[in-house]
Amino acid sequence: MTKDVIALTPEMPDLRTLLAGLYAGGPDLGVNTLADGAVIQLCASDGRPLVSVEAPILIQVPGETARLLGSGPDLPLPESPVWWTEARASTAVAEGGRLAGSFAGRLATVLNGAVWPPEAARTDLVPLTTDVSAIPVTATSAPAVDVLTTKAAVVIQDRPLVTMTSWLSDALRAATADDRALQIVTPPTTRLTLPTRAALLGHPNRWVVQDPEHGFYDGLSGAVLHWKGGIFTPVLDENGAASVAEAFKATTGIGERQLVLSLRTRHPADEDLVLGHAVEAAWQHLTGTPPAGWSTAEPVNLPWNTRQLTDLARNRAPQPTWLITVGRPDLPAIATARVTRTPAGVEEDITLTLGYSKDGTPPLDAIAPLAEVLCTDHGLTTMLTSLRAARHDLTVPPHFEVPPIPVSFTLGAGELRDVGLARALRPPFGPAPVRLGPATEPALHYPLGDGTDPRAWNALQQLSQYLMRTS
């Protein structure tokens, strides 16, 4: 298990300050580096890592630290921009957590910053008294991974909100490359950010919740789990069926909602292509403001810039690029996008989610005009819009949430040509679609409901089957 401690400072920790922090364990501890110097490790005399420190990140997006860490009188956050320096300590060694806290506390003291969690801050010397030689060597050198087997990379997180940090991104990438599952173990008080949930949706990745009364269960599906053969798997009955944990079933209506847009765009792969305009147009249309920032991990640290994100995706091609976009603190919105080079061009798979409090009203009447803009100007191929009852802060709790209910489906001009306009205009049920865009290159927008009637899923399924039918 590991303990995370973060130093937030208005100035970048220079080498002298970092060394002062690393001296928290006294002169008998050593220093190692990983990832071409991007990770520094404080090690015992035999080389076993005690604390891993990631290179400082400059957070230039207002409100991002508060989104991920919270705020209040116990955690006075420095004003943006702020340097985020994260340390992970192994709790296999009793002094590990205190070492991380002393490292972060020294940085914050020297640079007039803050430490998260506040109670971890300290500046005293933490000599190593644990007999490290008696502790089994962890079967992994990856800083984010606590247990590594032939089937799974297990990360144990004890923090209120699990974010898709670069630590976790690297762990997921390595696990996928080695054909392992990434499994994150947390207490029942933990929530996930939407990017973390999106990353765990691929089977057999899991969010494993350790409930003191109910044991282990999957925080996204509720399936009761056990550790078997080096991986967390569902407990099956004699009929091969999994049961749902009682803790997962407990849920209360909070009156908050999320508007979810799942859209795909396709562009010619030419040198003038600039990505990100589709999500920017949707953001502007639905919130009245452009996105605030983007990154490939959380915290989101870069101000919104379509040219920069395009350059990153181009440099990574033909490998896909996964991106996160966030908005202003007072308008909860977050998007994930996967940019892929395909034989047809460059495709963006985007999921944009916006949060609304009890008093907020999702702008459903703005969806059709937005769909027309996306079809006409941004290469939209398809878009599914849905509404769900869920937290407006866009975090994911470890209990049942009602699935989203479809509101509308949009078919772009290119896909419409494949289906045929005459056929697509006459679905055998439901309201007639709305024509979008120029008459020479039309798109179609299919209303499915107001997001309150689950029968809209049946309508969407029938529509999809009808449109896919070639004869």
Protein backbone atom coordinates (compact mmCIF):
# COMPACT_ATOMS: atom_id res chain seq x y z
CA MET A 1 0.00 0.00 0.00
CA THR A 2 1.17 3.55 -0.65
CA LYS A 3 0.44 6.96 0.82
CA ASP A 4 0.23 10.03 -1.40
CA VAL A 5 1.39 13.45 -0.22
CA ILE A 6 1.37 16.56 -2.43
CA ALA A 7 3.27 19.82 -2.04
CA LEU A 8 1.61 22.86 -3.66
CA THR A 9 3.99 25.79 -4.04
CA PRO A 10 3.83 29.15 -5.85
CA GLU A 11 7.41 28.67 -7.02
CA MET A 12 9.04 25.75 -8.78
CA PRO A 13 11.07 23.59 -6.37
CA ASP A 14 14.66 23.96 -7.54
CA LEU A 15 17.34 21.33 -7.11
CA ARG A 16 18.50 22.70 -3.75
CA THR A 17 14.95 22.66 -2.35
CA LEU A 18 14.31 19.15 -3.63
CA LEU A 19 17.53 17.94 -2.04
CA ALA A 20 16.54 19.57 1.25
CA GLY A 21 13.27 17.69 1.07
CA LEU A 22 14.94 14.41 0.21
CA TYR A 23 17.25 14.85 3.22
CA ALA A 24 14.17 14.26 5.40
CA GLY A 25 15.41 10.74 6.08
CA GLY A 26 18.93 11.75 7.05
CA PRO A 27 22.25 11.07 5.34
CA ASP A 28 21.97 7.29 5.45
CA LEU A 29 19.31 7.12 2.74
CA GLY A 30 20.13 7.09 -0.97
CA VAL A 31 18.55 8.58 -4.08
CA ASN A 32 17.63 6.83 -7.33
CA THR A 33 15.95 8.01 -10.53
CA LEU A 34 13.41 6.40 -12.89
CA ALA A 35 11.72 7.34 -16.17
CA ASP A 36 14.71 9.27 -17.51
CA GLY A 37 14.88 11.38 -14.37
CA ALA A 38 11.14 12.19 -14.19
CA VAL A 39 10.84 10.23 -10.92
CA ILE A 40 13.22 10.53 -7.96
CA GLN A 41 13.23 7.81 -5.32
CA LEU A 42 14.39 8.06 -1.73
CA CYS A 43 15.83 4.63 -0.98
CA ALA A 44 17.03 2.60 1.97
CA SER A 45 20.70 1.65 2.16
CA ASP A 46 20.01 -1.59 0.28
CA GLY A 47 18.29 0.30 -2.57
CA ARG A 48 14.67 -0.46 -1.69
CA PRO A 49 12.45 2.54 -2.57
CA LEU A 50 10.76 4.29 0.34
CA VAL A 51 9.36 7.43 -1.32
CA SER A 52 8.93 8.16 -5.03
CA VAL A 53 8.68 11.81 -6.10
CA GLU A 54 7.41 12.85 -9.52
CA ALA A 55 8.81 15.89 -11.32
CA PRO A 56 6.93 19.10 -10.36
CA ILE A 57 4.02 20.07 -12.64
CA LEU A 58 2.98 23.67 -13.22
CA ILE A 59 -0.83 23.87 -12.89
CA GLN A 60 -1.95 26.82 -15.02
CA VAL A 61 -5.68 26.01 -15.00
CA PRO A 62 -7.71 27.93 -12.35
CA GLY A 63 -9.60 25.74 -9.93
CA GLU A 64 -7.88 22.49 -10.87
CA THR A 65 -6.23 21.89 -7.50
CA ALA A 66 -9.52 22.54 -5.69
CA ARG A 67 -11.36 20.18 -8.07
CA LEU A 68 -9.04 17.31 -7.23
CA LEU A 69 -8.05 18.03 -3.62
CA GLY A 70 -10.90 20.12 -2.23
CA SER A 71 -10.36 23.38 -0.38
CA GLY A 72 -11.18 24.97 2.93
CA PRO A 73 -9.64 26.55 6.01
CA ASP A 74 -7.48 23.45 6.63
CA LEU A 75 -6.02 23.61 3.12
CA PRO A 76 -5.37 27.19 1.99
CA LEU A 77 -4.38 26.65 -1.64
CA PRO A 78 -1.88 28.95 -3.37
CA GLU A 79 -3.32 30.97 -6.24
CA SER A 80 -2.98 29.56 -9.76
CA PRO A 81 -0.49 29.01 -11.28
CA VAL A 82 0.86 26.59 -8.71
CA TRP A 83 3.53 23.88 -8.77
CA TRP A 84 2.26 20.39 -7.90
CA THR A 85 4.90 17.98 -6.55
CA GLU A 86 3.54 14.54 -5.67
CA ALA A 87 5.24 11.95 -3.49
CA ARG A 88 4.17 8.34 -3.01
CA ALA A 89 5.42 6.51 0.07
CA SER A 90 5.36 2.77 0.64
CA THR A 91 3.47 1.94 3.83
CA ALA A 92 5.29 -1.38 3.99
CA VAL A 93 7.85 0.69 5.89
CA ALA A 94 6.49 2.39 9.02
CA GLU A 95 8.42 5.59 8.31
CA GLY A 96 7.34 5.82 4.66
CA GLY A 97 4.33 8.08 5.17
CA ARG A 98 6.21 10.33 7.56
CA LEU A 99 9.11 10.60 5.11
CA ALA A 100 6.74 11.72 2.34
CA GLY A 101 5.10 14.21 4.70
CA SER A 102 8.46 15.61 5.77
CA PHE A 103 9.60 15.90 2.14
CA ALA A 104 6.43 17.79 1.16
CA GLY A 105 6.45 19.87 4.34
CA ARG A 106 9.99 21.04 3.73
CA LEU A 107 9.13 22.12 0.17
CA ALA A 108 6.01 23.96 1.36
CA THR A 109 7.89 25.68 4.19
CA VAL A 110 10.74 26.90 2.01
CA LEU A 111 8.48 28.00 -0.85
CA ASN A 112 5.51 29.32 1.19
CA GLY A 113 3.13 26.65 -0.07
CA ALA A 114 0.70 24.06 1.30
CA VAL A 115 0.63 20.30 1.82
CA TRP A 116 -2.16 17.85 0.99
CA PRO A 117 -3.42 16.23 3.09
CA PRO A 118 -2.77 18.98 5.64
CA GLU A 119 -2.23 16.55 8.51
CA ALA A 120 0.69 14.94 6.66
CA ALA A 121 2.82 18.10 6.74
CA ARG A 122 5.96 17.97 8.87
CA THR A 123 9.55 19.16 8.60
CA ASP A 124 11.41 17.05 11.13
CA LEU A 125 14.04 14.44 10.39
CA VAL A 126 12.57 10.93 10.03
CA PRO A 127 15.37 8.41 10.58
CA LEU A 128 14.74 4.91 9.28
CA THR A 129 14.34 2.47 12.18
CA THR A 130 12.39 -0.29 10.43
CA ASP A 131 14.36 -3.42 9.60
CA VAL A 132 14.00 -3.12 5.83
CA SER A 133 15.78 -6.42 5.28
CA ALA A 134 12.78 -8.17 6.87
CA ILE A 135 10.35 -6.68 4.34
CA PRO A 136 9.73 -8.70 1.15
CA VAL A 137 10.77 -6.91 -2.01
CA THR A 138 7.75 -5.71 -3.95
CA ALA A 139 7.39 -7.50 -7.29
CA THR A 140 7.41 -4.25 -9.26
CA SER A 141 9.57 -1.20 -9.81
CA ALA A 142 6.70 0.98 -11.05
CA PRO A 143 6.03 3.73 -8.46
CA ALA A 144 2.24 3.52 -8.82
CA VAL A 145 1.94 -0.27 -8.51
CA ASP A 146 1.75 -1.97 -5.12
CA VAL A 147 1.30 -5.62 -6.19
CA LEU A 148 2.27 -7.13 -9.52
CA THR A 149 1.25 -10.62 -10.63
CA THR A 150 1.18 -12.34 -14.00
CA LYS A 151 -2.48 -11.26 -14.35
CA ALA A 152 -2.83 -7.91 -12.58
CA ALA A 153 -1.13 -4.68 -11.59
CA VAL A 154 -2.77 -3.65 -8.31
CA VAL A 155 -2.72 -0.06 -7.06
CA ILE A 156 -3.91 0.58 -3.49
CA GLN A 157 -5.20 4.13 -3.01
CA ASP A 158 -6.39 5.65 0.27
CA ARG A 159 -7.47 9.12 -0.80
CA PRO A 160 -10.91 10.75 -1.15
CA LEU A 161 -10.66 11.14 -4.93
CA VAL A 162 -8.68 8.88 -7.26
CA THR A 163 -7.51 10.88 -10.27
CA MET A 164 -5.99 9.72 -13.53
CA THR A 165 -2.52 10.95 -12.67
CA SER A 166 0.51 10.34 -14.84
CA TRP A 167 1.42 7.64 -12.27
CA LEU A 168 -1.78 5.76 -13.05
CA SER A 169 -1.55 6.47 -16.78
CA ASP A 170 1.89 4.88 -16.86
CA ALA A 171 0.67 1.93 -14.80
CA LEU A 172 -2.29 1.42 -17.14
CA ARG A 173 -0.10 1.65 -20.23
CA ALA A 174 2.40 -0.85 -18.83
CA ALA A 175 -0.33 -3.24 -17.68
CA THR A 176 -2.01 -3.14 -21.09
CA ALA A 177 1.28 -3.76 -22.87
CA ASP A 178 1.95 -6.79 -20.63
CA ASP A 179 -1.63 -8.11 -20.99
CA ARG A 180 -2.39 -7.45 -17.33
CA ALA A 181 -5.42 -5.90 -15.66
CA LEU A 182 -5.09 -2.62 -13.79
CA GLN A 183 -7.03 -2.93 -10.54
CA ILE A 184 -7.35 -0.02 -8.11
CA VAL A 185 -8.21 -0.89 -4.51
CA THR A 186 -9.80 1.82 -2.33
CA PRO A 187 -11.89 2.21 0.83
CA PRO A 188 -15.67 2.79 0.40
CA THR A 189 -15.25 6.52 1.09
CA THR A 190 -13.30 7.04 -2.14
CA ARG A 191 -14.70 8.41 -5.39
CA LEU A 192 -13.26 8.42 -8.91
CA THR A 193 -12.94 11.22 -11.42
CA LEU A 194 -14.60 10.60 -14.78
CA PRO A 195 -11.24 10.13 -16.56
CA THR A 196 -10.30 7.44 -14.04
CA ARG A 197 -13.62 5.69 -14.54
CA ALA A 198 -13.18 5.86 -18.32
CA ALA A 199 -9.73 4.28 -18.02
CA LEU A 200 -11.08 1.39 -15.93
CA LEU A 201 -13.97 0.49 -18.25
CA GLY A 202 -11.82 -1.85 -20.33
CA HIS A 203 -12.13 -5.47 -19.13
CA PRO A 204 -10.62 -6.83 -16.89
CA ASN A 205 -9.60 -3.52 -15.29
CA ARG A 206 -11.48 -2.92 -12.04
CA TRP A 207 -12.22 -0.54 -9.24
CA VAL A 208 -12.01 -2.79 -6.17
CA VAL A 209 -13.72 -1.38 -3.08
CA GLN A 210 -12.68 -2.85 0.26
CA ASP A 211 -15.65 -2.51 2.57
CA PRO A 212 -15.00 -3.37 6.24
CA GLU A 213 -18.41 -5.05 6.58
CA HIS A 214 -18.97 -6.51 3.10
CA GLY A 215 -15.49 -7.43 1.86
CA PHE A 216 -14.43 -6.64 -1.68
CA TYR A 217 -16.75 -5.54 -4.48
CA ASP A 218 -16.52 -3.82 -7.85
CA GLY A 219 -17.21 -0.11 -7.43
CA LEU A 220 -18.66 0.20 -10.94
CA SER A 221 -20.74 -2.97 -11.28
CA GLY A 222 -21.26 -3.99 -7.65
CA ALA A 223 -20.07 -7.57 -8.22
CA VAL A 224 -18.76 -9.27 -5.08
CA LEU A 225 -15.05 -9.98 -5.62
CA HIS A 226 -12.33 -12.17 -4.18
CA TRP A 227 -8.60 -12.52 -4.77
CA LYS A 228 -8.02 -15.67 -6.79
CA GLY A 229 -5.12 -16.69 -8.96
CA GLY A 230 -3.36 -13.35 -8.67
CA ILE A 231 -6.31 -11.15 -9.66
CA PHE A 232 -9.60 -9.84 -8.26
CA THR A 233 -12.47 -11.72 -9.91
CA PRO A 234 -16.22 -12.04 -9.22
CA VAL A 235 -17.46 -14.63 -6.74
CA LEU A 236 -19.72 -16.96 -8.73
CA ASP A 237 -22.51 -19.16 -7.44
CA GLU A 238 -23.24 -22.72 -8.57
CA ASN A 239 -24.97 -21.33 -11.66
CA GLY A 240 -21.99 -19.21 -12.63
CA ALA A 241 -23.71 -15.94 -11.70
CA ALA A 242 -22.16 -13.09 -9.74
CA SER A 243 -23.95 -11.46 -6.81
CA VAL A 244 -24.17 -7.73 -6.07
CA ALA A 245 -22.78 -6.38 -2.82
CA GLU A 246 -25.31 -4.85 -0.44
CA ALA A 247 -23.09 -1.79 0.03
CA PHE A 248 -23.30 -1.11 -3.71
CA LYS A 249 -27.10 -1.19 -3.72
CA ALA A 250 -27.43 1.60 -1.16
CA THR A 251 -28.16 4.84 -2.99
CA THR A 252 -30.11 8.01 -2.44
CA GLY A 253 -31.55 10.49 -4.90
CA ILE A 254 -29.72 13.80 -4.77
CA GLY A 255 -31.59 15.66 -7.53
CA GLU A 256 -28.40 16.42 -9.45
CA ARG A 257 -27.88 15.53 -13.10
CA GLN A 258 -25.27 15.10 -15.79
CA LEU A 259 -25.64 15.83 -19.49
CA VAL A 260 -23.46 13.45 -21.53
CA LEU A 261 -22.48 13.92 -25.18
CA SER A 262 -20.70 11.00 -26.86
CA LEU A 263 -19.54 12.14 -30.27
CA ARG A 264 -17.18 11.11 -33.01
CA THR A 265 -15.58 13.30 -35.63
CA ARG A 266 -13.52 12.45 -38.71
CA HIS A 267 -11.11 14.74 -40.55
CA PRO A 268 -8.83 14.43 -43.56
CA ALA A 269 -5.28 13.75 -42.43
CA ASP A 270 -3.63 16.84 -43.90
CA GLU A 271 -1.01 19.20 -42.57
CA ASP A 272 -3.53 21.98 -41.93
CA LEU A 273 -5.66 19.89 -39.57
CA VAL A 274 -6.20 21.38 -36.12
CA LEU A 275 -7.89 19.12 -33.55
CA GLY A 276 -10.02 20.10 -30.57
CA HIS A 277 -12.40 22.46 -32.38
CA ALA A 278 -15.36 20.10 -32.00
CA VAL A 279 -15.13 19.89 -28.20
CA GLU A 280 -14.40 23.63 -28.10
CA ALA A 281 -17.57 24.38 -30.09
CA ALA A 282 -19.65 22.10 -27.85
CA TRP A 283 -18.22 23.70 -24.71
CA GLN A 284 -18.87 27.22 -25.97
CA HIS A 285 -22.38 26.34 -27.12
CA LEU A 286 -23.46 24.66 -23.87
CA THR A 287 -21.65 26.78 -21.26
CA GLY A 288 -21.01 30.11 -22.96
CA THR A 289 -17.28 29.76 -22.36
CA PRO A 290 -14.41 27.89 -24.04
CA PRO A 291 -12.58 25.04 -22.27
CA ALA A 292 -10.13 26.16 -19.60
CA GLY A 293 -7.40 23.56 -19.92
CA TRP A 294 -6.18 20.27 -21.34
CA SER A 295 -3.65 17.55 -20.54
CA THR A 296 -2.95 13.85 -20.96
CA ALA A 297 -3.45 13.21 -17.23
CA GLU A 298 -4.81 14.76 -14.05
CA PRO A 299 -4.20 17.33 -12.74
CA VAL A 300 -4.98 19.15 -15.99
CA ASN A 301 -2.17 21.66 -16.17
CA LEU A 302 -2.13 23.38 -19.59
CA PRO A 303 -4.30 26.32 -20.70
CA TRP A 304 -6.62 25.42 -23.58
CA ASN A 305 -4.72 25.48 -26.88
CA THR A 306 -5.88 23.51 -29.92
CA ARG A 307 -2.57 23.96 -31.75
CA GLN A 308 -0.56 22.47 -28.91
CA LEU A 309 -2.80 19.44 -28.48
CA THR A 310 -2.74 18.88 -32.25
CA ASP A 311 1.05 18.95 -32.25
CA LEU A 312 1.12 16.39 -29.45
CA ALA A 313 -1.26 14.03 -31.29
CA ARG A 314 0.72 14.45 -34.53
CA ASN A 315 4.01 13.67 -32.79
CA ARG A 316 2.54 10.53 -31.23
CA ALA A 317 0.95 9.22 -34.43
CA PRO A 318 0.36 6.50 -35.48
CA GLN A 319 -0.11 5.70 -31.80
CA PRO A 320 -3.41 7.05 -30.40
CA THR A 321 -3.48 10.02 -28.00
CA TRP A 322 -5.78 10.26 -24.98
CA LEU A 323 -6.67 13.74 -23.76
CA ILE A 324 -8.56 15.34 -20.86
CA THR A 325 -10.26 18.73 -21.07
CA VAL A 326 -11.74 20.74 -18.18
CA GLY A 327 -13.71 23.97 -17.85
CA ARG A 328 -14.15 26.80 -15.40
CA PRO A 329 -14.53 25.91 -11.69
CA ASP A 330 -18.07 27.36 -11.53
CA LEU A 331 -19.27 25.36 -14.58
CA PRO A 332 -18.54 21.65 -13.94
CA ALA A 333 -17.60 20.05 -17.24
CA ILE A 334 -15.00 17.53 -18.30
CA ALA A 335 -14.23 15.72 -21.54
CA THR A 336 -12.06 12.81 -22.52
CA ALA A 337 -10.99 12.31 -26.12
CA ARG A 338 -9.11 9.60 -27.98
CA VAL A 339 -7.43 10.74 -31.18
CA THR A 340 -6.74 7.93 -33.65
CA ARG A 341 -5.22 7.78 -37.11
CA THR A 342 -7.34 5.48 -39.31
CA PRO A 343 -7.42 4.68 -43.03
CA ALA A 344 -10.34 7.14 -43.33
CA GLY A 345 -8.44 10.02 -41.70
CA VAL A 346 -8.06 11.29 -38.15
CA GLU A 347 -10.88 10.46 -35.74
CA GLU A 348 -11.76 11.96 -32.37
CA ASP A 349 -13.87 9.91 -29.95
CA ILE A 350 -15.09 12.44 -27.40
CA THR A 351 -17.21 12.13 -24.27
CA LEU A 352 -18.23 15.50 -22.82
CA THR A 353 -20.03 15.52 -19.47
CA LEU A 354 -21.57 18.58 -17.84
CA GLY A 355 -22.85 18.70 -14.26
CA TYR A 356 -26.01 20.44 -12.99
CA SER A 357 -27.08 21.02 -9.39
CA LYS A 358 -30.64 20.64 -8.12
CA ASP A 359 -31.43 24.13 -9.32
CA GLY A 360 -29.64 23.76 -12.66
CA THR A 361 -31.39 23.00 -15.95
CA PRO A 362 -29.59 21.01 -18.65
CA PRO A 363 -29.92 22.92 -21.99
CA LEU A 364 -31.64 20.18 -23.97
CA ASP A 365 -33.03 22.69 -26.47
CA ALA A 366 -29.45 23.61 -27.40
CA ILE A 367 -28.51 20.11 -28.55
CA ALA A 368 -30.03 20.22 -32.06
CA PRO A 369 -28.42 23.60 -32.95
CA LEU A 370 -25.11 22.30 -31.61
CA ALA A 371 -25.46 19.13 -33.67
CA GLU A 372 -25.89 21.25 -36.80
CA VAL A 373 -22.72 23.23 -36.04
CA LEU A 374 -20.76 20.05 -35.43
CA CYS A 375 -22.04 18.41 -38.62
CA THR A 376 -21.47 21.47 -40.79
CA ASP A 377 -18.12 22.69 -39.46
CA HIS A 378 -16.41 19.95 -37.46
CA GLY A 379 -16.78 16.62 -39.28
CA LEU A 380 -19.31 15.00 -36.93
CA THR A 381 -20.08 11.40 -37.83
CA THR A 382 -22.34 10.46 -34.90
CA MET A 383 -23.46 11.91 -31.58
CA LEU A 384 -25.50 10.36 -28.78
CA THR A 385 -26.82 12.76 -26.15
CA SER A 386 -28.10 11.41 -22.84
CA LEU A 387 -29.12 12.59 -19.39
CA ARG A 388 -28.47 10.87 -16.08
CA ALA A 389 -29.15 11.35 -12.38
CA ALA A 390 -25.65 11.70 -10.93
CA ARG A 391 -23.39 14.01 -8.97
CA HIS A 392 -23.01 17.46 -10.45
CA ASP A 393 -19.35 17.58 -9.37
CA LEU A 394 -18.73 14.83 -11.95
CA THR A 395 -17.20 12.35 -9.50
CA VAL A 396 -18.14 8.66 -9.32
CA PRO A 397 -19.18 7.09 -5.97
CA PRO A 398 -18.83 3.34 -5.25
CA HIS A 399 -22.53 2.62 -5.36
CA PHE A 400 -25.26 2.15 -7.92
CA GLU A 401 -26.07 5.06 -10.21
CA VAL A 402 -28.99 5.08 -12.62
CA PRO A 403 -27.77 4.59 -16.20
CA PRO A 404 -28.06 7.57 -18.56
CA ILE A 405 -31.21 7.87 -20.66
CA PRO A 406 -30.92 8.82 -24.36
CA VAL A 407 -32.15 12.25 -25.43
CA SER A 408 -31.19 12.29 -29.10
CA PHE A 409 -29.03 10.72 -31.79
CA THR A 410 -27.34 12.59 -34.63
CA LEU A 411 -26.19 10.99 -37.89
CA GLY A 412 -23.54 12.97 -39.77
CA ALA A 413 -23.52 13.58 -43.51
CA GLY A 414 -20.92 10.92 -44.33
CA GLU A 415 -22.72 8.17 -42.43
CA LEU A 416 -26.02 9.35 -43.87
CA ARG A 417 -24.72 8.78 -47.38
CA ASP A 418 -23.91 5.18 -46.46
CA VAL A 419 -27.40 4.59 -45.05
CA GLY A 420 -29.27 6.51 -47.75
CA LEU A 421 -31.26 9.68 -47.18
CA ALA A 422 -34.62 8.23 -48.24
CA ARG A 423 -34.32 5.33 -45.84
CA ALA A 424 -32.93 7.37 -42.93
CA LEU A 425 -35.76 9.92 -43.21
CA ARG A 426 -38.41 7.27 -42.59
CA PRO A 427 -37.73 5.29 -39.42
CA PRO A 428 -40.66 2.94 -38.66
CA PHE A 429 -41.32 4.51 -35.25
CA GLY A 430 -40.91 7.68 -33.25
CA PRO A 431 -40.87 11.33 -34.37
CA ALA A 432 -39.47 12.23 -37.75
CA PRO A 433 -35.79 13.25 -37.76
CA VAL A 434 -34.75 16.87 -38.19
CA ARG A 435 -32.66 17.71 -41.24
CA LEU A 436 -29.47 19.62 -40.45
CA GLY A 437 -26.96 21.44 -42.61
CA PRO A 438 -27.00 22.24 -46.33
CA ALA A 439 -29.39 20.44 -48.64
CA THR A 440 -26.46 19.04 -50.62
CA GLU A 441 -24.78 17.52 -47.55
CA PRO A 442 -27.56 16.97 -45.02
CA ALA A 443 -27.31 15.33 -41.62
CA LEU A 444 -30.18 13.99 -39.50
CA HIS A 445 -31.01 14.55 -35.84
CA TYR A 446 -33.33 12.01 -34.16
CA PRO A 447 -35.17 13.18 -30.97
CA LEU A 448 -35.58 10.29 -28.51
CA GLY A 449 -37.06 11.94 -25.40
CA ASP A 450 -36.32 14.30 -22.55
CA GLY A 451 -34.01 12.00 -20.61
CA THR A 452 -36.62 10.78 -18.13
CA ASP A 453 -38.16 7.71 -19.85
CA PRO A 454 -35.94 4.56 -19.90
CA ARG A 455 -37.92 3.31 -22.91
CA ALA A 456 -35.77 5.66 -24.97
CA TRP A 457 -33.12 2.93 -24.88
CA ASN A 458 -35.47 0.62 -26.82
CA ALA A 459 -36.10 3.39 -29.34
CA LEU A 460 -32.36 3.93 -29.78
CA GLN A 461 -31.73 0.22 -30.22
CA GLN A 462 -34.46 -0.09 -32.84
CA LEU A 463 -33.17 3.00 -34.65
CA SER A 464 -29.61 1.66 -34.67
CA GLN A 465 -30.75 -1.68 -36.06
CA TYR A 466 -32.84 0.05 -38.71
CA LEU A 467 -30.00 2.32 -39.84
CA MET A 468 -27.52 -0.54 -39.97
CA ARG A 469 -29.79 -2.68 -42.12
CA THR A 470 -28.64 -2.56 -45.73
CA SER A 471 -31.68 -4.05 -47.36
